[in-house]
Amino acid sequence: MNVAKGKFVNNQLNKILPKKKRKNLKQKTLIKHCCFDLDGTLVDSNKTIYNATAFALGKLGVEFDVSEERFALKIGQHFVDIFSAFNIIVPDFEKFISIYKTNYFEQMEYSKVYDGVEKTLSALKDRDIHVSLLTTKIQDQADKIIDHFNLRKYFDLVMGRRDGIAHKPSPEPLLKICYDLNVDVKNTLMVGDTELDIQCGKNAGSYTCGVLYGYRTKELLEIENPDFIVESIENILEKI
C-alpha cells in the first residue's frame, strides 16, 4: 500500500469507527502518563498478604479458614470489604492492621517483582512518559515496598491510601496524581489486575488496561470492559 492510500484508509477509519472504538487503535502520542496498581500488577505478593493476614487474625483469636486461592480473588480491596465478604468479624481492626503491617515485612521473602516490570518501567521513562503508582495500601507501607524492591527510581509519584482521599474505585486518587504531575487524565493509562483499577480509571476518564497475570480472571476483567487487556506487562509497550 502506498503512503497516500494508507493515509486515505486511516482517514476513512477515523470517520467510520465510533470514537470509543478508536481507543483500541495504536495512538503512540496519546499516552503521557501510566499509573500502575501494585499487588498483582507490579509485585506478586499474594502469599505475603495471605500469611500476614492469617498471622494477625490468629493473634486476635479470629479463625481464618479461607483458602489462599479464594483470598487472592479479593486482593486489592480494603480489608473491611474482604472480611465482610468472608463473614470474618475482627474485634479490634486497628490492632489487626498494626500486627499485619509489622508481620507483612517478615513475610517479604514470598513476594517478588513480576518478570518484565523493570524493563517496562524503564522503557516508559525513556519515552518521557510519566509513571506513577496507585495502591490501596497505606502510604508508608507502599513506600517501604517500593524501596524494598528498589523501584523508586522509576516513579514520578507513589500514592498509597491517605487520610482525606478516597481510595479505588473512586476517581479521586487518580485525579490527584494527574493534578500533581500536571498531566491530563485523558492522556493517562490506568493499569491494574482488578475491577477496582479499571473502575477507578473509567470513573476518572482515563484509558484503562487490565493485566491477566494478577489476581483476577480474564472473564472478570472483561466484565469491566477495559480499553485493552494484556498477558504480560511488556505488552503495554506495544499498545501505546
Protein backbone atom coordinates (compact mmCIF):
# COMPACT_ATOMS: atom_id res chain seq x y z
CA MET A 1 0.00 0.00 0.00
CA ASN A 2 1.44 3.40 -0.97
CA VAL A 3 1.63 6.25 1.56
CA ALA A 4 -1.21 8.27 0.01
CA LYS A 5 -3.55 5.30 0.02
CA GLY A 6 -2.56 4.46 3.59
CA LYS A 7 -3.44 7.96 4.76
CA PHE A 8 -6.76 7.77 2.93
CA VAL A 9 -7.66 4.47 4.63
CA ASN A 10 -6.75 5.83 8.06
CA ASN A 11 -8.83 8.94 7.46
CA GLN A 12 -11.80 6.83 6.47
CA LEU A 13 -11.41 4.64 9.56
CA ASN A 14 -11.41 7.75 11.72
CA LYS A 15 -14.67 8.83 10.12
CA ILE A 16 -16.35 5.43 10.25
CA LEU A 17 -15.28 4.00 13.59
CA PRO A 18 -17.08 5.28 16.68
CA LYS A 19 -14.82 7.31 18.93
CA LYS A 20 -14.99 4.65 21.65
CA LYS A 21 -13.66 2.01 19.25
CA ARG A 22 -10.77 4.18 18.09
CA LYS A 23 -9.28 3.96 21.57
CA ASN A 24 -8.20 0.40 20.82
CA LEU A 25 -6.03 1.51 17.89
CA LYS A 26 -2.39 2.44 18.40
CA GLN A 27 -2.04 6.12 19.17
CA LYS A 28 1.55 6.40 20.30
CA THR A 29 1.47 10.11 21.05
CA LEU A 30 -1.69 9.90 23.15
CA ILE A 31 -0.48 8.43 26.45
CA LYS A 32 1.65 10.79 28.53
CA HIS A 33 1.21 9.07 31.88
CA CYS A 34 0.95 5.44 33.03
CA CYS A 35 -0.42 4.78 36.51
CA PHE A 36 0.13 1.28 37.90
CA ASP A 37 -1.51 -0.73 40.64
CA LEU A 38 0.92 -2.54 42.97
CA ASP A 39 -0.23 -6.00 44.13
CA GLY A 40 -0.92 -8.34 41.24
CA THR A 41 0.37 -5.80 38.72
CA LEU A 42 3.96 -4.96 39.65
CA VAL A 43 4.54 -7.30 42.58
CA ASP A 44 3.33 -10.86 43.15
CA SER A 45 2.52 -10.57 46.85
CA ASN A 46 -0.38 -12.98 47.30
CA LYS A 47 1.38 -15.33 49.73
CA THR A 48 2.86 -12.45 51.75
CA ILE A 49 -0.56 -10.82 52.15
CA TYR A 50 -2.24 -14.13 52.94
CA ASN A 51 0.35 -15.19 55.53
CA ALA A 52 0.38 -11.79 57.26
CA THR A 53 -3.42 -11.75 57.36
CA ALA A 54 -3.58 -15.23 58.87
CA PHE A 55 -0.91 -14.32 61.43
CA ALA A 56 -2.62 -11.09 62.52
CA LEU A 57 -6.05 -12.71 62.79
CA GLY A 58 -4.53 -15.58 64.76
CA LYS A 59 -3.02 -13.13 67.23
CA LEU A 60 -6.51 -11.72 67.76
CA GLY A 61 -8.01 -15.18 68.20
CA VAL A 62 -10.00 -14.96 64.98
CA GLU A 63 -10.49 -18.14 62.96
CA PHE A 64 -9.28 -17.87 59.37
CA ASP A 65 -10.21 -20.81 57.16
CA VAL A 66 -10.25 -19.10 53.75
CA SER A 67 -8.07 -20.78 51.14
CA GLU A 68 -5.22 -18.87 49.54
CA GLU A 69 -6.91 -19.17 46.15
CA ARG A 70 -10.23 -17.69 47.34
CA PHE A 71 -8.43 -14.97 49.25
CA ALA A 72 -6.46 -13.93 46.15
CA LEU A 73 -9.71 -13.07 44.37
CA LYS A 74 -10.26 -10.28 46.90
CA ILE A 75 -6.76 -8.81 46.95
CA GLY A 76 -6.90 -5.14 46.06
CA GLN A 77 -9.99 -4.48 48.13
CA HIS A 78 -9.89 -2.81 51.54
CA PHE A 79 -9.65 -5.27 54.44
CA VAL A 80 -13.05 -4.13 55.72
CA ASP A 81 -14.59 -5.30 52.44
CA ILE A 82 -12.54 -8.51 52.36
CA PHE A 83 -13.58 -9.50 55.87
CA SER A 84 -17.19 -8.65 55.11
CA ALA A 85 -17.11 -10.89 52.01
CA PHE A 86 -15.83 -13.82 54.07
CA ASN A 87 -18.01 -13.11 57.12
CA ILE A 88 -14.96 -12.57 59.33
CA ILE A 89 -15.54 -10.44 62.42
CA VAL A 90 -12.44 -8.62 63.67
CA PRO A 91 -12.85 -7.36 67.26
CA ASP A 92 -10.11 -4.71 67.03
CA PHE A 93 -9.48 -3.61 63.46
CA GLU A 94 -6.77 -1.08 64.30
CA LYS A 95 -4.83 -3.71 66.24
CA PHE A 96 -5.22 -6.10 63.31
CA ILE A 97 -3.71 -3.51 60.95
CA SER A 98 -0.82 -2.85 63.33
CA ILE A 99 0.04 -6.55 63.65
CA TYR A 100 -0.48 -7.12 59.93
CA LYS A 101 1.82 -4.28 58.85
CA THR A 102 4.61 -5.49 61.12
CA ASN A 103 4.34 -9.12 60.07
CA TYR A 104 3.97 -8.23 56.39
CA PHE A 105 7.63 -7.29 56.13
CA GLU A 106 8.62 -10.51 57.87
CA GLN A 107 6.89 -12.33 55.01
CA MET A 108 8.54 -10.40 52.17
CA GLU A 109 10.56 -13.43 51.10
CA TYR A 110 7.35 -14.69 49.50
CA SER A 111 6.92 -11.58 47.33
CA LYS A 112 8.65 -10.86 44.04
CA VAL A 113 8.57 -8.34 41.22
CA TYR A 114 6.91 -9.79 38.13
CA ASP A 115 9.08 -10.53 35.11
CA GLY A 116 9.32 -7.61 32.72
CA VAL A 117 8.30 -4.94 35.23
CA GLU A 118 11.61 -3.09 35.45
CA LYS A 119 12.17 -3.33 31.71
CA THR A 120 8.73 -1.86 31.06
CA LEU A 121 9.00 0.94 33.61
CA SER A 122 12.44 1.86 32.30
CA ALA A 123 11.19 1.91 28.70
CA LEU A 124 8.31 4.20 29.65
CA LYS A 125 10.71 6.62 31.32
CA ASP A 126 12.91 6.54 28.21
CA ARG A 127 9.85 7.65 26.22
CA ASP A 128 9.35 10.58 28.64
CA ILE A 129 6.08 9.10 29.87
CA HIS A 130 5.19 9.90 33.48
CA VAL A 131 5.00 6.81 35.69
CA SER A 132 3.05 6.66 38.94
CA LEU A 133 1.81 4.09 41.44
CA LEU A 134 -1.67 3.94 42.95
CA THR A 135 -2.37 1.33 45.62
CA THR A 136 -4.91 0.81 48.39
CA LYS A 137 -2.03 0.05 50.75
CA ILE A 138 -1.34 2.67 53.42
CA GLN A 139 1.19 5.25 52.21
CA ASP A 140 4.09 4.27 54.46
CA GLN A 141 3.65 0.59 53.60
CA ALA A 142 3.58 1.36 49.87
CA ASP A 143 6.77 3.42 50.21
CA LYS A 144 8.56 0.62 52.08
CA ILE A 145 7.59 -1.98 49.49
CA ILE A 146 8.74 0.18 46.57
CA ASP A 147 12.04 0.85 48.33
CA HIS A 148 12.46 -2.82 49.28
CA PHE A 149 12.40 -3.79 45.61
CA ASN A 150 14.48 -0.76 44.56
CA LEU A 151 11.76 0.54 42.24
CA ARG A 152 11.67 4.14 43.46
CA LYS A 153 13.80 5.39 40.57
CA TYR A 154 11.07 4.58 38.07
CA PHE A 155 8.26 6.57 39.69
CA ASP A 156 7.37 10.23 39.50
CA LEU A 157 4.81 9.75 42.27
CA VAL A 158 3.79 6.96 44.65
CA MET A 159 0.32 7.21 46.16
CA GLY A 160 -0.90 4.88 48.84
CA ARG A 161 -4.06 5.28 50.88
CA ARG A 162 -4.04 8.70 52.54
CA ASP A 163 -6.34 10.37 55.03
CA GLY A 164 -8.91 12.58 53.37
CA ILE A 165 -8.57 10.97 49.93
CA ALA A 166 -10.99 8.26 48.81
CA HIS A 167 -9.49 5.02 47.52
CA LYS A 168 -10.19 2.99 44.39
CA PRO A 169 -12.65 2.69 42.68
CA SER A 170 -13.17 6.40 43.40
CA PRO A 171 -11.56 8.60 40.72
CA GLU A 172 -10.20 10.93 43.40
CA PRO A 173 -6.72 9.42 43.93
CA LEU A 174 -6.02 9.12 40.20
CA LEU A 175 -7.20 12.67 39.58
CA LYS A 176 -4.96 13.85 42.44
CA ILE A 177 -1.97 12.10 40.86
CA CYS A 178 -2.71 13.70 37.48
CA TYR A 179 -3.04 17.11 39.12
CA ASP A 180 0.27 16.73 40.98
CA LEU A 181 2.05 15.60 37.80
CA ASN A 182 0.36 18.31 35.72
CA VAL A 183 -0.89 15.79 33.18
CA ASP A 184 -4.38 15.46 31.69
CA VAL A 185 -6.26 12.38 32.87
CA LYS A 186 -7.38 11.94 29.25
CA ASN A 187 -3.73 11.23 28.41
CA THR A 188 -3.41 8.72 31.26
CA LEU A 189 -3.45 4.92 31.19
CA MET A 190 -4.54 3.17 34.41
CA VAL A 191 -3.02 -0.32 34.59
CA GLY A 192 -4.14 -2.99 37.05
CA ASP A 193 -5.27 -6.54 37.65
CA THR A 194 -8.60 -5.94 39.40
CA GLU A 195 -12.01 -4.47 38.79
CA LEU A 196 -11.15 -1.64 41.19
CA ASP A 197 -8.30 -0.45 38.97
CA ILE A 198 -10.43 -0.44 35.83
CA GLN A 199 -13.35 1.24 37.59
CA CYS A 200 -11.04 3.89 39.04
CA GLY A 201 -9.65 4.70 35.61
CA LYS A 202 -13.04 4.79 33.95
CA ASN A 203 -14.51 6.93 36.73
CA ALA A 204 -11.66 9.40 36.30
CA GLY A 205 -11.88 9.45 32.49
CA SER A 206 -8.56 7.76 31.71
CA TYR A 207 -7.71 4.88 29.41
CA THR A 208 -7.61 1.50 31.16
CA CYS A 209 -5.60 -1.70 30.83
CA GLY A 210 -6.22 -5.00 32.61
CA VAL A 211 -3.39 -7.50 33.19
CA LEU A 212 -4.03 -11.24 33.15
CA TYR A 213 -1.14 -12.44 35.30
CA GLY A 214 -2.56 -10.96 38.53
CA TYR A 215 -5.41 -11.95 40.84
CA ARG A 216 -8.47 -11.79 38.59
CA THR A 217 -9.61 -13.97 35.71
CA LYS A 218 -9.96 -12.78 32.14
CA GLU A 219 -13.72 -13.18 32.44
CA LEU A 220 -13.89 -10.87 35.46
CA LEU A 221 -11.74 -8.24 33.76
CA GLU A 222 -13.77 -8.38 30.56
CA ILE A 223 -16.89 -7.51 32.54
CA GLU A 224 -15.26 -4.14 33.29
CA ASN A 225 -14.57 -3.55 29.57
CA PRO A 226 -11.08 -2.02 29.80
CA ASP A 227 -9.62 -0.44 26.67
CA PHE A 228 -7.33 -3.43 26.36
CA ILE A 229 -6.10 -6.48 28.27
CA VAL A 230 -2.52 -7.79 28.21
CA GLU A 231 -0.98 -11.12 29.17
CA SER A 232 2.38 -9.57 30.07
CA ILE A 233 3.25 -6.13 31.37
CA GLU A 234 5.70 -5.74 28.49
CA ASN A 235 2.76 -5.93 26.06
CA ILE A 236 1.80 -2.43 27.20
CA LEU A 237 4.77 -1.05 25.28
CA GLU A 238 3.20 -2.36 22.07
CA LYS A 239 -0.12 -0.68 22.82
CA ILE A 240 0.93 2.90 23.49
